[in-house]
PDB file of N, CA and C in Angstrom:
ATOM      1  N   PRO A   1      18.617  14.140  13.558  1.00  0.00           N
ATOM      2  CA  PRO A   1      17.610  13.369  14.304  1.00  0.00           C
ATOM      3  C   PRO A   1      16.854  12.405  13.382  1.00  0.00           C
ATOM      4  N   ILE A   2      16.507  11.294  13.922  1.00  0.00           N
ATOM      5  CA  ILE A   2      15.771  10.286  13.167  1.00  0.00           C
ATOM      6  C   ILE A   2      14.301  10.675  13.116  1.00  0.00           C
ATOM      7  N   GLN A   3      13.721  10.601  11.908  1.00  0.00           N
ATOM      8  CA  GLN A   3      12.300  10.924  11.726  1.00  0.00           C
ATOM      9  C   GLN A   3      11.530   9.774  11.106  1.00  0.00           C
ATOM     10  N   ILE A   4      12.241   8.886  10.422  1.00  0.00           N
ATOM     11  CA  ILE A   4      11.591   7.801   9.687  1.00  0.00           C
ATOM     12  C   ILE A   4      12.311   6.496   9.969  1.00  0.00           C
ATOM     13  N   LEU A   5      11.533   5.447  10.156  1.00  0.00           N
ATOM     14  CA  LEU A   5      12.082   4.100  10.267  1.00  0.00           C
ATOM     15  C   LEU A   5      11.638   3.321   9.039  1.00  0.00           C
ATOM     16  N   LYS A   6      12.580   2.722   8.347  1.00  0.00           N
ATOM     17  CA  LYS A   6      12.267   1.960   7.144  1.00  0.00           C
ATOM     18  C   LYS A   6      12.344   0.471   7.456  1.00  0.00           C
ATOM     19  N   ILE A   7      11.280  -0.241   7.109  1.00  0.00           N
ATOM     20  CA  ILE A   7      11.245  -1.692   7.282  1.00  0.00           C
ATOM     21  C   ILE A   7      11.799  -2.329   6.016  1.00  0.00           C
ATOM     22  N   ASP A   8      12.854  -3.095   6.165  1.00  0.00           N
ATOM     23  CA  ASP A   8      13.508  -3.732   5.035  1.00  0.00           C
ATOM     24  C   ASP A   8      12.572  -4.717   4.340  1.00  0.00           C
ATOM     25  N   ARG A   9      12.751  -4.851   3.043  1.00  0.00           N
ATOM     26  CA  ARG A   9      11.894  -5.727   2.245  1.00  0.00           C
ATOM     27  C   ARG A   9      11.931  -7.169   2.725  1.00  0.00           C
ATOM     28  N   SER A  10      13.020  -7.604   3.331  1.00  0.00           N
ATOM     29  CA  SER A  10      13.103  -8.990   3.805  1.00  0.00           C
ATOM     30  C   SER A  10      12.035  -9.269   4.860  1.00  0.00           C
ATOM     31  N   PHE A  11      11.722  -8.278   5.693  1.00  0.00           N
ATOM     32  CA  PHE A  11      10.655  -8.450   6.684  1.00  0.00           C
ATOM     33  C   PHE A  11       9.287  -8.477   6.004  1.00  0.00           C
ATOM     34  N   VAL A  12       9.111  -7.600   5.017  1.00  0.00           N
ATOM     35  CA  VAL A  12       7.830  -7.537   4.292  1.00  0.00           C
ATOM     36  C   VAL A  12       7.584  -8.847   3.551  1.00  0.00           C
ATOM     37  N   GLN A  13       8.605  -9.380   2.904  1.00  0.00           N
ATOM     38  CA  GLN A  13       8.449 -10.626   2.147  1.00  0.00           C
ATOM     39  C   GLN A  13       8.075 -11.790   3.060  1.00  0.00           C
ATOM     40  N   ARG A  14       8.601 -11.803   4.264  1.00  0.00           N
ATOM     41  CA  ARG A  14       8.330 -12.903   5.195  1.00  0.00           C
ATOM     42  C   ARG A  14       6.961 -12.821   5.846  1.00  0.00           C
ATOM     43  N   MET A  15       6.245 -11.716   5.677  1.00  0.00           N
ATOM     44  CA  MET A  15       4.916 -11.581   6.288  1.00  0.00           C
ATOM     45  C   MET A  15       3.940 -12.633   5.777  1.00  0.00           C
ATOM     46  N   GLU A  16       4.177 -13.161   4.593  1.00  0.00           N
ATOM     47  CA  GLU A  16       3.271 -14.164   4.035  1.00  0.00           C
ATOM     48  C   GLU A  16       3.542 -15.552   4.593  1.00  0.00           C
ATOM     49  N   GLY A  17       4.516 -15.658   5.503  1.00  0.00           N
ATOM     50  CA  GLY A  17       4.839 -16.925   6.157  1.00  0.00           C
ATOM     51  C   GLY A  17       4.106 -17.054   7.484  1.00  0.00           C
ATOM     52  N   PRO A  18       4.785 -17.592   8.485  1.00  0.00           N
ATOM     53  CA  PRO A  18       4.172 -17.810   9.797  1.00  0.00           C
ATOM     54  C   PRO A  18       3.665 -16.521  10.453  1.00  0.00           C
ATOM     55  N   GLU A  19       2.673 -16.644  11.295  1.00  0.00           N
ATOM     56  CA  GLU A  19       2.066 -15.510  12.000  1.00  0.00           C
ATOM     57  C   GLU A  19       3.109 -14.687  12.760  1.00  0.00           C
ATOM     58  N   LYS A  20       4.119 -15.335  13.319  1.00  0.00           N
ATOM     59  CA  LYS A  20       5.127 -14.596  14.087  1.00  0.00           C
ATOM     60  C   LYS A  20       5.847 -13.573  13.210  1.00  0.00           C
ATOM     61  N   ASN A  21       5.937 -13.809  11.929  1.00  0.00           N
ATOM     62  CA  ASN A  21       6.565 -12.841  11.021  1.00  0.00           C
ATOM     63  C   ASN A  21       5.705 -11.583  10.890  1.00  0.00           C
ATOM     64  N   ARG A  22       4.394 -11.758  10.790  1.00  0.00           N
ATOM     65  CA  ARG A  22       3.486 -10.600  10.736  1.00  0.00           C
ATOM     66  C   ARG A  22       3.526  -9.843  12.054  1.00  0.00           C
ATOM     67  N   GLN A  23       3.570 -10.578  13.150  1.00  0.00           N
ATOM     68  CA  GLN A  23       3.611  -9.944  14.459  1.00  0.00           C
ATOM     69  C   GLN A  23       4.882  -9.114  14.644  1.00  0.00           C
ATOM     70  N   LEU A  24       5.986  -9.582  14.095  1.00  0.00           N
ATOM     71  CA  LEU A  24       7.235  -8.826  14.178  1.00  0.00           C
ATOM     72  C   LEU A  24       7.098  -7.490  13.450  1.00  0.00           C
ATOM     73  N   VAL A  25       6.562  -7.515  12.244  1.00  0.00           N
ATOM     74  CA  VAL A  25       6.379  -6.271  11.477  1.00  0.00           C
ATOM     75  C   VAL A  25       5.406  -5.352  12.210  1.00  0.00           C
ATOM     76  N   HIS A  26       4.335  -5.900  12.739  1.00  0.00           N
ATOM     77  CA  HIS A  26       3.364  -5.097  13.491  1.00  0.00           C
ATOM     78  C   HIS A  26       4.040  -4.447  14.699  1.00  0.00           C
ATOM     79  N   SER A  27       4.879  -5.194  15.386  1.00  0.00           N
ATOM     80  CA  SER A  27       5.594  -4.663  16.552  1.00  0.00           C
ATOM     81  C   SER A  27       6.559  -3.549  16.160  1.00  0.00           C
ATOM     82  N   ILE A  28       7.205  -3.696  15.023  1.00  0.00           N
ATOM     83  CA  ILE A  28       8.120  -2.655  14.540  1.00  0.00           C
ATOM     84  C   ILE A  28       7.346  -1.365  14.286  1.00  0.00           C
ATOM     85  N   VAL A  29       6.190  -1.488  13.640  1.00  0.00           N
ATOM     86  CA  VAL A  29       5.366  -0.302  13.357  1.00  0.00           C
ATOM     87  C   VAL A  29       4.919   0.351  14.664  1.00  0.00           C
ATOM     88  N   GLN A  30       4.449  -0.445  15.615  1.00  0.00           N
ATOM     89  CA  GLN A  30       3.991   0.098  16.893  1.00  0.00           C
ATOM     90  C   GLN A  30       5.130   0.786  17.648  1.00  0.00           C
ATOM     91  N   MET A  31       6.299   0.156  17.673  1.00  0.00           N
ATOM     92  CA  MET A  31       7.452   0.728  18.365  1.00  0.00           C
ATOM     93  C   MET A  31       7.842   2.070  17.738  1.00  0.00           C
ATOM     94  N   ALA A  32       7.895   2.107  16.412  1.00  0.00           N
ATOM     95  CA  ALA A  32       8.255   3.346  15.729  1.00  0.00           C
ATOM     96  C   ALA A  32       7.253   4.452  16.045  1.00  0.00           C
ATOM     97  N   HIS A  33       5.977   4.140  15.994  1.00  0.00           N
ATOM     98  CA  HIS A  33       4.962   5.147  16.295  1.00  0.00           C
ATOM     99  C   HIS A  33       5.059   5.605  17.746  1.00  0.00           C
ATOM    100  N   ALA A  34       5.376   4.696  18.662  1.00  0.00           N
ATOM    101  CA  ALA A  34       5.553   5.071  20.067  1.00  0.00           C
ATOM    102  C   ALA A  34       6.707   6.061  20.229  1.00  0.00           C
ATOM    103  N   LEU A  35       7.671   6.005  19.316  1.00  0.00           N
ATOM    104  CA  LEU A  35       8.814   6.920  19.335  1.00  0.00           C
ATOM    105  C   LEU A  35       8.588   8.128  18.425  1.00  0.00           C
ATOM    106  N   ASP A  36       7.348   8.317  17.972  1.00  0.00           N
ATOM    107  CA  ASP A  36       6.971   9.423  17.077  1.00  0.00           C
ATOM    108  C   ASP A  36       7.740   9.413  15.759  1.00  0.00           C
ATOM    109  N   LEU A  37       7.972   8.222  15.239  1.00  0.00           N
ATOM    110  CA  LEU A  37       8.621   8.070  13.946  1.00  0.00           C
ATOM    111  C   LEU A  37       7.600   7.662  12.898  1.00  0.00           C
ATOM    112  N   LYS A  38       7.789   8.111  11.682  1.00  0.00           N
ATOM    113  CA  LYS A  38       7.015   7.621  10.546  1.00  0.00           C
ATOM    114  C   LYS A  38       7.614   6.294  10.110  1.00  0.00           C
ATOM    115  N   VAL A  39       6.789   5.438   9.506  1.00  0.00           N
ATOM    116  CA  VAL A  39       7.249   4.116   9.083  1.00  0.00           C
ATOM    117  C   VAL A  39       7.041   3.953   7.582  1.00  0.00           C
ATOM    118  N   VAL A  40       8.111   3.535   6.903  1.00  0.00           N
ATOM    119  CA  VAL A  40       8.071   3.227   5.474  1.00  0.00           C
ATOM    120  C   VAL A  40       8.440   1.758   5.315  1.00  0.00           C
ATOM    121  N   ALA A  41       7.595   1.009   4.642  1.00  0.00           N
ATOM    122  CA  ALA A  41       7.893  -0.396   4.342  1.00  0.00           C
ATOM    123  C   ALA A  41       8.340  -0.490   2.897  1.00  0.00           C
ATOM    124  N   GLU A  42       9.467  -1.138   2.681  1.00  0.00           N
ATOM    125  CA  GLU A  42       9.958  -1.285   1.307  1.00  0.00           C
ATOM    126  C   GLU A  42       9.757  -2.721   0.837  1.00  0.00           C
ATOM    127  N   GLY A  43       9.717  -2.888  -0.468  1.00  0.00           N
ATOM    128  CA  GLY A  43       9.613  -4.221  -1.049  1.00  0.00           C
ATOM    129  C   GLY A  43       8.198  -4.767  -1.115  1.00  0.00           C
ATOM    130  N   VAL A  44       7.200  -3.884  -1.123  1.00  0.00           N
ATOM    131  CA  VAL A  44       5.810  -4.338  -1.207  1.00  0.00           C
ATOM    132  C   VAL A  44       5.537  -4.795  -2.636  1.00  0.00           C
ATOM    133  N   GLU A  45       5.174  -6.059  -2.770  1.00  0.00           N
ATOM    134  CA  GLU A  45       4.963  -6.636  -4.100  1.00  0.00           C
ATOM    135  C   GLU A  45       3.562  -7.178  -4.312  1.00  0.00           C
ATOM    136  N   THR A  46       2.805  -7.380  -3.248  1.00  0.00           N
ATOM    137  CA  THR A  46       1.465  -7.957  -3.399  1.00  0.00           C
ATOM    138  C   THR A  46       0.421  -7.084  -2.710  1.00  0.00           C
ATOM    139  N   GLU A  47      -0.798  -7.213  -3.185  1.00  0.00           N
ATOM    140  CA  GLU A  47      -1.920  -6.501  -2.574  1.00  0.00           C
ATOM    141  C   GLU A  47      -2.117  -6.958  -1.129  1.00  0.00           C
ATOM    142  N   GLN A  48      -1.880  -8.234  -0.862  1.00  0.00           N
ATOM    143  CA  GLN A  48      -2.016  -8.767   0.500  1.00  0.00           C
ATOM    144  C   GLN A  48      -1.028  -8.080   1.456  1.00  0.00           C
ATOM    145  N   GLN A  49       0.203  -7.909   1.020  1.00  0.00           N
ATOM    146  CA  GLN A  49       1.187  -7.211   1.850  1.00  0.00           C
ATOM    147  C   GLN A  49       0.744  -5.778   2.113  1.00  0.00           C
ATOM    148  N   LEU A  50       0.264  -5.105   1.069  1.00  0.00           N
ATOM    149  CA  LEU A  50      -0.191  -3.729   1.213  1.00  0.00           C
ATOM    150  C   LEU A  50      -1.325  -3.636   2.224  1.00  0.00           C
ATOM    151  N   GLN A  51      -2.312  -4.511   2.113  1.00  0.00           N
ATOM    152  CA  GLN A  51      -3.451  -4.474   3.029  1.00  0.00           C
ATOM    153  C   GLN A  51      -3.019  -4.729   4.466  1.00  0.00           C
ATOM    154  N   GLN A  52      -2.105  -5.660   4.659  1.00  0.00           N
ATOM    155  CA  GLN A  52      -1.627  -5.967   6.004  1.00  0.00           C
ATOM    156  C   GLN A  52      -0.873  -4.779   6.599  1.00  0.00           C
ATOM    157  N   LEU A  53      -0.015  -4.160   5.810  1.00  0.00           N
ATOM    158  CA  LEU A  53       0.731  -2.998   6.284  1.00  0.00           C
ATOM    159  C   LEU A  53      -0.197  -1.833   6.601  1.00  0.00           C
ATOM    160  N   ARG A  54      -1.215  -1.645   5.800  1.00  0.00           N
ATOM    161  CA  ARG A  54      -2.212  -0.605   6.099  1.00  0.00           C
ATOM    162  C   ARG A  54      -2.906  -0.903   7.420  1.00  0.00           C
ATOM    163  N   ALA A  55      -3.272  -2.164   7.629  1.00  0.00           N
ATOM    164  CA  ALA A  55      -3.932  -2.563   8.878  1.00  0.00           C
ATOM    165  C   ALA A  55      -3.029  -2.314  10.086  1.00  0.00           C
ATOM    166  N   PHE A  56      -1.724  -2.456   9.896  1.00  0.00           N
ATOM    167  CA  PHE A  56      -0.770  -2.213  10.974  1.00  0.00           C
ATOM    168  C   PHE A  56      -0.541  -0.722  11.222  1.00  0.00           C
ATOM    169  N   GLY A  57      -0.987   0.134  10.294  1.00  0.00           N
ATOM    170  CA  GLY A  57      -0.803   1.577  10.438  1.00  0.00           C
ATOM    171  C   GLY A  57       0.482   2.101   9.833  1.00  0.00           C
ATOM    172  N   CYS A  58       1.072   1.333   8.928  1.00  0.00           N
ATOM    173  CA  CYS A  58       2.292   1.770   8.257  1.00  0.00           C
ATOM    174  C   CYS A  58       1.997   3.062   7.484  1.00  0.00           C
ATOM    175  N   ASP A  59       2.883   4.040   7.597  1.00  0.00           N
ATOM    176  CA  ASP A  59       2.631   5.360   7.018  1.00  0.00           C
ATOM    177  C   ASP A  59       2.838   5.423   5.512  1.00  0.00           C
ATOM    178  N   GLN A  60       3.867   4.759   5.017  1.00  0.00           N
ATOM    179  CA  GLN A  60       4.167   4.784   3.588  1.00  0.00           C
ATOM    180  C   GLN A  60       4.704   3.429   3.161  1.00  0.00           C
ATOM    181  N   VAL A  61       4.523   3.128   1.896  1.00  0.00           N
ATOM    182  CA  VAL A  61       5.047   1.877   1.347  1.00  0.00           C
ATOM    183  C   VAL A  61       5.695   2.158  -0.001  1.00  0.00           C
ATOM    184  N   GLN A  62       6.588   1.274  -0.381  1.00  0.00           N
ATOM    185  CA  GLN A  62       7.206   1.362  -1.704  1.00  0.00           C
ATOM    186  C   GLN A  62       7.512  -0.041  -2.171  1.00  0.00           C
ATOM    187  N   GLY A  63       7.519  -0.218  -3.462  1.00  0.00           N
ATOM    188  CA  GLY A  63       7.850  -1.537  -3.991  1.00  0.00           C
ATOM    189  C   GLY A  63       7.309  -1.741  -5.392  1.00  0.00           C
ATOM    190  N   TYR A  64       7.580  -2.929  -5.915  1.00  0.00           N
ATOM    191  CA  TYR A  64       7.208  -3.258  -7.289  1.00  0.00           C
ATOM    192  C   TYR A  64       5.701  -3.272  -7.513  1.00  0.00           C
ATOM    193  N   LEU A  65       4.908  -3.378  -6.458  1.00  0.00           N
ATOM    194  CA  LEU A  65       3.456  -3.304  -6.627  1.00  0.00           C
ATOM    195  C   LEU A  65       3.070  -1.975  -7.290  1.00  0.00           C
ATOM    196  N   PHE A  66       3.857  -0.949  -7.050  1.00  0.00           N
ATOM    197  CA  PHE A  66       3.559   0.387  -7.570  1.00  0.00           C
ATOM    198  C   PHE A  66       4.387   0.739  -8.791  1.00  0.00           C
ATOM    199  N   SER A  67       5.671   0.400  -8.756  1.00  0.00           N
ATOM    200  CA  SER A  67       6.545   0.726  -9.883  1.00  0.00           C
ATOM    201  C   SER A  67       7.912   0.090  -9.683  1.00  0.00           C
ATOM    202  N   ARG A  68       8.546  -0.250 -10.768  1.00  0.00           N
ATOM    203  CA  ARG A  68       9.953  -0.637 -10.740  1.00  0.00           C
ATOM    204  C   ARG A  68      10.763   0.637 -10.494  1.00  0.00           C
ATOM    205  N   PRO A  69      12.015   0.527 -10.061  1.00  0.00           N
ATOM    206  CA  PRO A  69      12.829   1.728  -9.899  1.00  0.00           C
ATOM    207  C   PRO A  69      12.930   2.500 -11.221  1.00  0.00           C
ATOM    208  N   LEU A  70      12.865   3.829 -11.119  1.00  0.00           N
ATOM    209  CA  LEU A  70      12.917   4.690 -12.301  1.00  0.00           C
ATOM    210  C   LEU A  70      13.995   5.745 -12.131  1.00  0.00           C
ATOM    211  N   ASP A  71      14.652   6.099 -13.226  1.00  0.00           N
ATOM    212  CA  ASP A  71      15.550   7.245 -13.163  1.00  0.00           C
ATOM    213  C   ASP A  71      14.688   8.509 -13.221  1.00  0.00           C
ATOM    214  N   ALA A  72      15.304   9.657 -12.984  1.00  0.00           N
ATOM    215  CA  ALA A  72      14.561  10.914 -12.885  1.00  0.00           C
ATOM    216  C   ALA A  72      13.756  11.232 -14.152  1.00  0.00           C
ATOM    217  N   LYS A  73      14.323  10.971 -15.309  1.00  0.00           N
ATOM    218  CA  LYS A  73      13.646  11.273 -16.573  1.00  0.00           C
ATOM    219  C   LYS A  73      12.357  10.454 -16.712  1.00  0.00           C
ATOM    220  N   HIS A  74      12.455   9.162 -16.436  1.00  0.00           N
ATOM    221  CA  HIS A  74      11.283   8.303 -16.562  1.00  0.00           C
ATOM    222  C   HIS A  74      10.255   8.574 -15.461  1.00  0.00           C
ATOM    223  N   PHE A  75      10.735   8.931 -14.277  1.00  0.00           N
ATOM    224  CA  PHE A  75       9.811   9.302 -13.196  1.00  0.00           C
ATOM    225  C   PHE A  75       8.985  10.517 -13.602  1.00  0.00           C
ATOM    226  N   ALA A  76       9.660  11.536 -14.115  1.00  0.00           N
ATOM    227  CA  ALA A  76       8.966  12.748 -14.541  1.00  0.00           C
ATOM    228  C   ALA A  76       7.948  12.434 -15.625  1.00  0.00           C
ATOM    229  N   ARG A  77       8.348  11.615 -16.590  1.00  0.00           N
ATOM    230  CA  ARG A  77       7.445  11.270 -17.683  1.00  0.00           C
ATOM    231  C   ARG A  77       6.224  10.508 -17.166  1.00  0.00           C
ATOM    232  N   LYS A  78       6.442   9.587 -16.253  1.00  0.00           N
ATOM    233  CA  LYS A  78       5.351   8.725 -15.789  1.00  0.00           C
ATOM    234  C   LYS A  78       4.431   9.424 -14.785  1.00  0.00           C
ATOM    235  N   TYR A  79       5.000  10.217 -13.877  1.00  0.00           N
ATOM    236  CA  TYR A  79       4.200  10.750 -12.774  1.00  0.00           C
ATOM    237  C   TYR A  79       3.969  12.250 -12.813  1.00  0.00           C
ATOM    238  N   LEU A  80       4.930  13.017 -13.273  1.00  0.00           N
ATOM    239  CA  LEU A  80       4.794  14.466 -13.209  1.00  0.00           C
ATOM    240  C   LEU A  80       4.144  15.053 -14.442  1.00  0.00           C
ATOM    241  N   GLU A  81       4.586  14.648 -15.620  1.00  0.00           N
ATOM    242  CA  GLU A  81       4.033  15.226 -16.841  1.00  0.00           C
ATOM    243  C   GLU A  81       2.583  14.846 -17.022  1.00  0.00           C
ATOM    244  N   ARG A  82       2.224  13.643 -16.669  1.00  0.00           N
ATOM    245  CA  ARG A  82       0.843  13.189 -16.821  1.00  0.00           C
ATOM    246  C   ARG A  82      -0.088  13.969 -15.915  1.00  0.00           C
ATOM    247  N   LYS A  83       0.334  14.245 -14.671  1.00  0.00           N
ATOM    248  CA  LYS A  83      -0.506  14.991 -13.727  1.00  0.00           C
ATOM    249  C   LYS A  83      -0.677  16.446 -14.143  1.00  0.00           C
ATOM    250  N   SER A  84       0.378  17.054 -14.664  1.00  0.00           N
ATOM    251  CA  SER A  84       0.298  18.464 -15.024  1.00  0.00           C
ATOM    252  C   SER A  84      -0.541  18.680 -16.287  1.00  0.00           C
ATOM    253  N   SER A  85      -0.682  17.659 -17.107  1.00  0.00           N
ATOM    254  CA  SER A  85      -1.463  17.810 -18.332  1.00  0.00           C
ATOM    255  C   SER A  85      -2.923  17.426 -18.131  1.00  0.00           C
ATOM    256  N   GLY A  86      -3.228  16.821 -16.988  1.00  0.00           N
ATOM    257  CA  GLY A  86      -4.525  16.266 -16.861  1.00  0.00           C
ATOM    258  C   GLY A  86      -5.520  16.765 -15.988  1.00  0.00           C
TER     259      GLY A  86
END
């Protein structure tokens, strides 16, 4: 069963263009929530994109704004070891 809908980065990148692009992403989030799905937006690179997605009620985001892709070793070093020591 489907539990999560992921918004492709191409939609997120276009949000900074015409209003209809933002409305499309907003509609995707609303539709997913109406179907009881969580929404993940990928390709978030700017604070403006993050704020807009939050305003739309997007559940999770991922992208270069937070981190470049990491292998498991570097992920553990950056996020897990630091938290356990601190």
